């Protein structure tokens, strides 16, 4: 039997310029060109060859007044055969984190081997439904890549179990911050209920099928899962997040959190001009130790233009992001300046022994929260952050803004006077106000 040809599907749209002649036809033609270009880019990204069009559907969308507003083209294109190994290699190469991904793959396969070597429970009678439950998820599988949403969904299930008076244990992979024993060390016969929480579930793949076999004697419940087949996907009870029968809201939606303040962190790691007075490595160490305490949520920032580490392309982007944080921790002069310019409390750290330009700038601005490197520790950094977050800094920020504007105005006037003396062109009175 001849295999079905493989295709990729793309959709493109184009607004209709009602003032143009033959507007609909032109918009459809432009949408078709966009669709073909998108198909070409998709094929190249996947390492495939675009062979030609397979099908195309065109339609015109109208606005609320019944006027033609948008041309839309849905197109399918034949492509050369998909090779999963080739796609996987391209994904690995494009990830930018090849070593971590390879470690993840290795740990997953090692876990799979460990599970295969375990004895099967055999013909064990079903345990009483009221007995202890084991809660597992992708946060239980080494290399499984548990997400924050997975863990929040698990915490909701644990709340439900506590509400029902059911004792439970959470299985951990030791990687995703979940506390509990590892799956490979658990005796399945200690449990009467097996619950797998959150994420995609393929019951015929090796790890899911092994888990179903290991816990065959349990009442098996799938919660908040995405499944792609009819039925219960190997469980006795399935509360699917989405499958062929229904869609439900992900239960992480119900998890309540106590929110933390957000700290922008802007760190320069080397300033050659200061020579042996540099203490940047020590500052970096203290920053990391403080952030590890979990008192704030860090957003790492960067003001370097070329190869910006967080992908920012302009000062406008940097300051727009800066305005979203609650406090800025920085040892950069422009971190101090741009933070205060945007009315943001700043914990300024001078990484130079004896003081450098950060100290000079804090003095020029009259900003009081400055930590010389000689006084820097996790404790003093924590105290300074708490000061910024724990009290109204509006008076200090207003005074700093006024002092900063006055200083810049002085520099402006002096510059204009210099230019006047050079060009012999009198400046208007308003320009020197």
Protein backbone atom coordinates (compact mmCIF):
# COMPACT_ATOMS: atom_id res chain seq x y z
CA UNK A 1 0.00 0.00 0.00
CA UNK A 2 1.39 3.36 -1.04
CA UNK A 3 2.01 5.64 1.99
CA UNK A 4 0.06 8.89 2.25
CA UNK A 5 2.14 11.91 1.13
CA UNK A 6 3.20 14.21 3.98
CA UNK A 7 2.08 17.82 4.13
CA UNK A 8 2.39 20.96 6.20
CA UNK A 9 -0.49 23.41 6.72
CA UNK A 10 -0.15 27.19 6.92
CA UNK A 11 -2.58 30.09 7.25
CA UNK A 12 -2.03 33.68 6.16
CA UNK A 13 -4.22 36.77 6.01
CA UNK A 14 -4.11 40.22 4.44
CA UNK A 15 -6.17 43.31 5.26
CA UNK A 16 -8.23 44.54 2.32
CA UNK A 17 -7.46 48.07 1.12
CA UNK A 18 -10.93 49.15 0.07
CA UNK A 19 -9.55 52.16 -1.78
CA UNK A 20 -7.56 49.95 -4.15
CA UNK A 21 -8.89 48.66 -7.46
CA UNK A 22 -9.65 44.91 -7.41
CA UNK A 23 -8.95 45.06 -3.65
CA UNK A 24 -10.22 41.54 -2.88
CA UNK A 25 -8.18 39.86 -5.59
CA UNK A 26 -5.02 41.72 -4.60
CA UNK A 27 -5.51 40.87 -0.92
CA UNK A 28 -6.06 37.18 -1.74
CA UNK A 29 -2.95 37.16 -3.91
CA UNK A 30 -0.87 38.78 -1.14
CA UNK A 31 -2.23 36.32 1.44
CA UNK A 32 -1.35 33.41 -0.86
CA UNK A 33 2.20 34.75 -1.23
CA UNK A 34 2.50 35.04 2.56
CA UNK A 35 1.24 31.46 2.96
CA UNK A 36 3.79 30.12 0.50
CA UNK A 37 6.60 32.04 2.20
CA UNK A 38 5.52 30.73 5.62
CA UNK A 39 5.43 27.18 4.23
CA UNK A 40 8.92 27.59 2.79
CA UNK A 41 10.31 28.88 6.11
CA UNK A 42 8.59 26.08 8.03
CA UNK A 43 10.04 23.43 5.72
CA UNK A 44 13.54 24.88 5.98
CA UNK A 45 13.32 25.03 9.78
CA UNK A 46 12.32 21.34 9.90
CA UNK A 47 14.96 20.26 7.39
CA UNK A 48 12.37 19.36 4.74
CA UNK A 49 11.96 20.14 1.06
CA UNK A 50 8.85 21.97 -0.10
CA UNK A 51 7.53 19.90 -3.02
CA UNK A 52 4.48 21.87 -4.09
CA UNK A 53 0.90 22.86 -3.27
CA UNK A 54 -1.54 20.18 -2.11
CA UNK A 55 -4.70 22.20 -1.39
CA UNK A 56 -5.81 25.77 -0.88
CA UNK A 57 -8.89 27.37 0.60
CA UNK A 58 -9.66 31.08 0.24
CA UNK A 59 -12.24 33.19 2.03
CA UNK A 60 -13.09 36.81 2.73
CA UNK A 61 -13.90 37.94 6.28
CA UNK A 62 -16.28 40.86 6.75
CA UNK A 63 -16.47 43.47 9.49
CA UNK A 64 -19.53 44.21 11.64
CA UNK A 65 -20.99 46.32 8.84
CA UNK A 66 -20.78 43.50 6.31
CA UNK A 67 -17.88 45.12 4.45
CA UNK A 68 -15.00 42.97 3.16
CA UNK A 69 -12.16 43.43 5.67
CA UNK A 70 -9.65 40.61 5.36
CA UNK A 71 -8.56 37.98 2.86
CA UNK A 72 -7.58 34.63 4.39
CA UNK A 73 -5.76 31.72 2.75
CA UNK A 74 -5.39 28.24 4.27
CA UNK A 75 -2.92 26.14 2.29
CA UNK A 76 -1.35 22.71 2.43
CA UNK A 77 1.97 21.88 0.79
CA UNK A 78 3.56 18.53 0.01
CA UNK A 79 6.94 18.10 1.71
CA UNK A 80 9.67 15.49 1.72
CA UNK A 81 9.36 12.76 4.34
CA UNK A 82 9.55 13.65 8.05
CA UNK A 83 12.39 11.98 9.92
CA UNK A 84 11.93 12.21 13.67
CA UNK A 85 15.63 11.74 14.39
CA UNK A 86 16.51 14.61 12.05
CA UNK A 87 13.92 16.88 13.67
CA UNK A 88 15.16 15.95 17.16
CA UNK A 89 18.75 16.75 16.18
CA UNK A 90 17.75 20.12 14.76
CA UNK A 91 15.80 20.91 17.94
CA UNK A 92 18.80 19.97 20.06
CA UNK A 93 21.15 22.07 17.94
CA UNK A 94 18.81 25.08 18.06
CA UNK A 95 18.19 24.86 21.81
CA UNK A 96 21.44 26.57 22.77
CA UNK A 97 21.65 24.22 25.74
CA UNK A 98 22.74 20.96 24.18
CA UNK A 99 24.60 19.60 27.22
CA UNK A 100 21.64 19.99 29.58
CA UNK A 101 19.28 18.41 27.05
CA UNK A 102 21.62 15.44 26.60
CA UNK A 103 21.82 15.03 30.40
CA UNK A 104 18.03 15.11 30.53
CA UNK A 105 17.76 12.41 27.87
CA UNK A 106 20.32 10.25 29.65
CA UNK A 107 18.58 10.54 33.04
CA UNK A 108 15.22 9.69 31.47
CA UNK A 109 16.61 6.57 29.76
CA UNK A 110 18.43 5.51 32.93
CA UNK A 111 15.16 5.81 34.88
CA UNK A 112 13.42 3.77 32.19
CA UNK A 113 16.08 1.06 32.51
CA UNK A 114 15.72 1.04 36.32
CA UNK A 115 11.97 0.63 36.05
CA UNK A 116 12.35 -2.22 33.54
CA UNK A 117 14.66 -4.06 35.94
CA UNK A 118 12.18 -3.89 38.80
CA UNK A 119 10.08 -6.99 39.51
CA UNK A 120 6.48 -6.81 38.33
CA UNK A 121 3.79 -6.80 41.05
CA UNK A 122 2.18 -9.88 39.47
CA UNK A 123 -1.38 -10.87 40.30
CA UNK A 124 -1.95 -8.69 43.35
CA UNK A 125 -5.47 -7.96 44.52
CA UNK A 126 -6.72 -4.42 44.29
CA UNK A 127 -5.98 -2.47 47.44
CA UNK A 128 -8.79 -0.81 49.43
CA UNK A 129 -9.74 2.53 47.93
CA UNK A 130 -9.27 4.23 51.28
CA UNK A 131 -5.60 3.32 51.58
CA UNK A 132 -2.62 5.59 51.00
CA UNK A 133 -2.21 7.37 47.66
CA UNK A 134 0.94 7.97 45.62
CA UNK A 135 0.90 11.23 43.65
CA UNK A 136 3.21 11.37 40.63
CA UNK A 137 3.72 13.55 37.57
CA UNK A 138 6.43 14.74 35.24
CA UNK A 139 8.09 16.18 38.36
CA UNK A 140 8.59 12.52 39.43
CA UNK A 141 10.36 11.33 36.27
CA UNK A 142 14.10 12.10 36.00
CA UNK A 143 14.57 14.41 33.04
CA UNK A 144 10.79 14.67 32.79
CA UNK A 145 10.93 18.45 32.82
CA UNK A 146 8.30 19.27 35.41
CA UNK A 147 6.97 22.83 35.12
CA UNK A 148 5.74 25.31 37.73
CA UNK A 149 2.22 24.63 36.44
CA UNK A 150 2.69 20.86 36.94
CA UNK A 151 3.74 21.43 40.55
CA UNK A 152 0.87 23.84 41.24
CA UNK A 153 -1.59 21.31 39.81
CA UNK A 154 -0.05 18.63 42.07
CA UNK A 155 -0.46 20.94 45.08
CA UNK A 156 -4.14 21.39 44.26
CA UNK A 157 -4.59 17.58 44.11
CA UNK A 158 -2.81 17.26 47.47
CA UNK A 159 -5.23 19.83 48.92
CA UNK A 160 -8.13 17.71 47.65
CA UNK A 161 -6.64 14.55 49.16
CA UNK A 162 -6.22 16.28 52.52
CA UNK A 163 -9.79 17.55 52.30
CA UNK A 164 -10.96 13.97 51.71
CA UNK A 165 -8.84 12.62 54.57
CA UNK A 166 -6.66 10.46 52.29
CA UNK A 167 -3.01 9.98 53.28
CA UNK A 168 -0.61 10.56 50.39
CA UNK A 169 3.02 10.62 49.32
CA UNK A 170 4.40 12.73 46.46
CA UNK A 171 7.05 11.10 44.27
CA UNK A 172 9.96 13.36 43.28
CA UNK A 173 12.65 13.24 40.62
CA UNK A 174 14.96 15.26 42.88
CA UNK A 175 15.30 17.91 40.15
CA UNK A 176 12.19 20.06 40.19
CA UNK A 177 12.02 21.26 43.79
CA UNK A 178 9.41 18.71 44.88
CA UNK A 179 10.04 16.96 48.18
CA UNK A 180 9.47 13.22 48.36
CA UNK A 181 10.93 9.78 47.65
CA UNK A 182 12.08 8.83 44.18
CA UNK A 183 9.85 6.62 42.04
CA UNK A 184 12.56 4.01 41.51
CA UNK A 185 12.87 3.59 45.31
CA UNK A 186 9.15 3.30 46.05
CA UNK A 187 7.46 -0.04 46.75
CA UNK A 188 4.22 0.09 44.73
CA UNK A 189 2.59 -2.39 47.12
CA UNK A 190 2.63 0.29 49.84
CA UNK A 191 -0.14 2.15 48.01
CA UNK A 192 -3.74 1.52 47.04
CA UNK A 193 -4.26 4.62 44.92
CA UNK A 194 -2.01 5.85 42.12
CA UNK A 195 -2.57 9.39 40.81
CA UNK A 196 -0.73 10.91 37.85
CA UNK A 197 -1.14 14.68 37.63
CA UNK A 198 -0.79 17.15 34.78
CA UNK A 199 0.78 17.18 31.34
CA UNK A 200 0.60 15.03 28.21
CA UNK A 201 -0.09 11.31 28.72
CA UNK A 202 0.70 8.63 26.14
CA UNK A 203 -0.26 5.28 27.74
CA UNK A 204 1.50 3.20 25.07
CA UNK A 205 4.87 4.88 25.51
CA UNK A 206 7.44 3.12 27.65
CA UNK A 207 7.37 5.10 30.93
CA UNK A 208 3.56 5.58 31.17
CA UNK A 209 2.97 1.92 30.31
CA UNK A 210 5.52 0.81 32.94
CA UNK A 211 3.89 3.02 35.58
CA UNK A 212 0.47 1.59 34.79
CA UNK A 213 1.91 -1.92 35.09
CA UNK A 214 3.79 -1.20 38.33
CA UNK A 215 0.63 0.18 39.93
CA UNK A 216 -1.85 -2.20 38.30
CA UNK A 217 -3.14 -3.26 41.74
CA UNK A 218 -4.03 0.36 42.62
CA UNK A 219 -7.05 2.41 41.82
CA UNK A 220 -5.49 4.54 39.09
CA UNK A 221 -6.60 8.15 38.61
CA UNK A 222 -5.42 10.51 35.88
CA UNK A 223 -5.92 14.18 36.73
CA UNK A 224 -5.41 17.27 34.55
CA UNK A 225 -3.95 15.28 31.65
CA UNK A 226 -3.90 15.89 27.91
CA UNK A 227 -4.65 12.62 26.13
CA UNK A 228 -5.07 11.87 22.45
CA UNK A 229 -7.22 8.76 22.38
CA UNK A 230 -10.69 7.63 23.28
CA UNK A 231 -11.37 6.03 26.64
CA UNK A 232 -9.59 6.40 29.96
CA UNK A 233 -5.97 6.10 28.73
CA UNK A 234 -5.20 3.21 31.10
CA UNK A 235 -6.73 4.76 34.23
CA UNK A 236 -9.72 3.62 36.24
CA UNK A 237 -10.81 7.25 36.45
CA UNK A 238 -9.73 10.04 34.13
CA UNK A 239 -10.30 13.74 34.82
CA UNK A 240 -8.80 14.93 31.55
CA UNK A 241 -7.66 18.47 30.98
CA UNK A 242 -8.32 17.94 27.30
CA UNK A 243 -8.99 14.86 25.19
CA UNK A 244 -11.29 13.76 22.40
CA UNK A 245 -14.37 14.09 24.61
CA UNK A 246 -13.94 17.34 26.58
CA UNK A 247 -11.85 20.33 27.59
CA UNK A 248 -11.45 21.47 31.21
CA UNK A 249 -9.56 24.36 32.77
CA UNK A 250 -6.10 23.39 34.04
CA UNK A 251 -6.45 23.00 37.81
CA UNK A 252 -3.33 25.12 38.44
CA UNK A 253 -5.83 27.95 37.90
CA UNK A 254 -7.09 27.29 41.45
CA UNK A 255 -3.71 27.37 43.24
CA UNK A 256 -3.34 30.42 45.48
CA UNK A 257 0.12 31.90 45.95
CA UNK A 258 1.70 34.44 48.27
CA UNK A 259 3.48 36.78 45.91
CA UNK A 260 7.04 38.01 46.30
CA UNK A 261 8.52 41.39 45.36
CA UNK A 262 10.28 41.50 42.01
CA UNK A 263 13.88 42.72 41.91
CA UNK A 264 15.67 43.79 38.78
CA UNK A 265 19.29 42.62 38.99
CA UNK A 266 21.87 44.46 36.90
CA UNK A 267 25.43 43.28 37.39
CA UNK A 268 28.70 44.28 35.77
CA UNK A 269 31.32 41.59 36.35
CA UNK A 270 34.51 43.35 35.30
CA UNK A 271 35.79 46.92 34.97
CA UNK A 272 39.42 46.83 33.91
CA UNK A 273 40.01 50.51 34.54
CA UNK A 274 39.89 49.94 38.30
CA UNK A 275 42.65 47.32 38.26
CA UNK A 276 43.33 45.71 41.66
CA UNK A 277 40.56 47.73 43.29
CA UNK A 278 37.95 45.59 41.54
CA UNK A 279 35.85 43.41 43.84
CA UNK A 280 33.30 42.37 41.23
CA UNK A 281 33.62 38.61 41.78
CA UNK A 282 32.85 39.06 45.46
CA UNK A 283 29.85 41.27 44.64
CA UNK A 284 28.55 38.65 42.21
CA UNK A 285 28.89 35.95 44.87
CA UNK A 286 26.96 38.01 47.44
CA UNK A 287 24.23 38.82 44.91
CA UNK A 288 23.76 35.12 44.13
CA UNK A 289 23.78 34.10 47.80
CA UNK A 290 21.15 36.73 48.55
CA UNK A 291 18.95 35.70 45.62
CA UNK A 292 19.20 32.06 46.73
CA UNK A 293 17.40 33.02 49.96
CA UNK A 294 14.22 33.46 47.93
CA UNK A 295 13.29 36.84 49.43
CA UNK A 296 12.70 38.38 45.99
CA UNK A 297 12.04 37.20 42.45
CA UNK A 298 14.99 38.25 40.25
CA UNK A 299 14.69 39.59 36.74
CA UNK A 300 18.17 39.76 35.25
CA UNK A 301 18.84 42.89 33.23
CA UNK A 302 21.63 44.09 30.95
CA UNK A 303 22.52 47.54 29.60
CA UNK A 304 25.18 46.41 27.10
CA UNK A 305 23.96 46.95 23.55
CA UNK A 306 26.01 44.41 21.58
CA UNK A 307 25.06 40.80 22.42
CA UNK A 308 22.67 41.95 25.14
CA UNK A 309 22.27 38.94 27.45
CA UNK A 310 18.50 39.32 27.85
CA UNK A 311 17.73 40.31 24.25
CA UNK A 312 17.06 44.02 24.77
CA UNK A 313 17.75 46.22 21.78
CA UNK A 314 17.40 49.78 23.08
CA UNK A 315 17.30 52.01 26.12
CA UNK A 316 13.58 52.37 25.55
CA UNK A 317 13.12 48.61 25.92
CA UNK A 318 15.40 48.52 28.97
CA UNK A 319 13.55 51.29 30.79
CA UNK A 320 10.14 49.85 29.85
CA UNK A 321 11.12 46.56 31.49
CA UNK A 322 12.74 48.36 34.42
CA UNK A 323 9.44 50.04 35.28
CA UNK A 324 7.84 46.63 35.96
CA UNK A 325 10.07 45.71 38.92
CA UNK A 326 9.68 46.75 42.55
CA UNK A 327 13.35 47.41 43.31
CA UNK A 328 16.64 47.41 41.41
CA UNK A 329 19.83 45.85 42.77
CA UNK A 330 22.86 46.97 40.79
CA UNK A 331 26.56 47.72 40.79
CA UNK A 332 26.33 49.63 37.49
CA UNK A 333 26.34 53.42 37.32
CA UNK A 334 23.65 53.51 34.64
CA UNK A 335 21.57 51.05 36.61
CA UNK A 336 21.54 53.59 39.46
CA UNK A 337 20.86 56.54 37.14
CA UNK A 338 18.15 54.97 34.97
CA UNK A 339 16.47 53.33 37.94
CA UNK A 340 16.16 56.62 39.84
CA UNK A 341 15.17 58.42 36.64
CA UNK A 342 12.18 56.04 36.49
CA UNK A 343 11.26 56.66 40.15
CA UNK A 344 12.44 53.19 41.18
CA UNK A 345 14.18 52.58 44.52
CA UNK A 346 17.72 51.34 43.87
CA UNK A 347 20.12 49.37 46.03
CA UNK A 348 23.43 50.65 44.66
CA UNK A 349 26.58 48.63 45.31
CA UNK A 350 30.04 50.01 44.57
CA UNK A 351 32.28 47.11 43.54
CA UNK A 352 35.45 49.21 43.71
CA UNK A 353 37.47 49.25 46.92
CA UNK A 354 37.73 52.81 48.18
CA UNK A 355 34.81 53.88 46.02
CA UNK A 356 34.41 54.45 42.29
CA UNK A 357 31.96 56.06 39.91
CA UNK A 358 28.87 54.44 41.48
CA UNK A 359 29.64 56.14 44.80
CA UNK A 360 30.33 59.41 43.01
CA UNK A 361 27.02 59.21 41.16
CA UNK A 362 25.05 58.35 44.31
CA UNK A 363 26.60 61.44 45.94
CA UNK A 364 25.77 63.63 42.93
CA UNK A 365 22.15 62.45 43.01
CA UNK A 366 21.89 62.55 46.79
CA UNK A 367 20.69 58.92 46.87
CA UNK A 368 21.18 57.43 50.34
CA UNK A 369 21.04 53.67 49.70
CA UNK A 370 24.62 52.88 48.72
CA UNK A 371 26.66 49.89 49.86
CA UNK A 372 30.46 50.19 49.55
CA UNK A 373 32.02 46.81 48.78
CA UNK A 374 33.81 46.92 52.14
CA UNK A 375 30.40 46.83 53.88
CA UNK A 376 28.68 44.40 51.50
CA UNK A 377 27.36 41.09 52.82
CA UNK A 378 24.19 39.05 52.36
CA UNK A 379 22.87 40.64 55.57
CA UNK A 380 23.56 44.26 54.57
CA UNK A 381 22.16 43.64 51.08
CA UNK A 382 19.01 42.11 52.55
CA UNK A 383 18.65 45.07 54.94
CA UNK A 384 18.97 47.56 52.07
CA UNK A 385 16.40 45.74 49.92
CA UNK A 386 13.99 45.60 52.86
CA UNK A 387 14.47 49.34 53.37
CA UNK A 388 13.54 50.01 49.73
CA UNK A 389 10.50 47.73 49.86
CA UNK A 390 9.35 48.28 53.42
CA UNK A 391 8.85 52.02 53.56
CA UNK A 392 7.61 54.87 51.41
CA UNK A 393 10.64 56.13 49.47
CA UNK A 394 8.72 58.89 47.66
CA UNK A 395 10.41 61.74 49.58
CA UNK A 396 13.92 60.44 48.78
CA UNK A 397 12.98 59.73 45.16
CA UNK A 398 11.47 63.20 44.69
CA UNK A 399 14.53 64.89 46.20
CA UNK A 400 16.83 62.81 43.99
CA UNK A 401 14.79 63.67 40.89
CA UNK A 402 14.98 67.38 41.65
CA UNK A 403 18.71 67.23 42.39
CA UNK A 404 19.34 65.25 39.22
CA UNK A 405 17.35 67.61 37.00
CA UNK A 406 19.07 70.65 38.50
CA UNK A 407 22.51 69.16 37.88
CA UNK A 408 21.67 68.25 34.26
CA UNK A 409 20.25 71.75 33.70
CA UNK A 410 23.54 73.23 34.96
CA UNK A 411 25.54 71.04 32.57
CA UNK A 412 23.22 72.00 29.69
CA UNK A 413 23.62 75.72 30.30
CA UNK A 414 27.40 75.45 30.55
CA UNK A 415 27.48 73.45 27.28
CA UNK A 416 25.38 76.06 25.49
CA UNK A 417 27.68 78.82 26.74
CA UNK A 418 30.70 76.90 25.41
CA UNK A 419 29.01 76.50 22.04
CA UNK A 420 28.14 80.19 21.98
CA UNK A 421 31.78 81.12 22.60
CA UNK A 422 32.97 78.76 19.86
CA UNK A 423 30.43 79.70 17.19
CA UNK A 424 30.13 83.39 18.15
CA UNK A 425 26.37 82.92 17.77
CA UNK A 426 24.36 84.54 20.59
CA UNK A 427 21.87 82.13 22.12
CA UNK A 428 18.31 83.14 22.91
CA UNK A 429 17.46 83.87 26.51
CA UNK A 430 15.07 80.91 26.66
CA UNK A 431 17.82 78.49 25.75
CA UNK A 432 19.78 79.29 28.90
CA UNK A 433 16.88 79.37 31.35
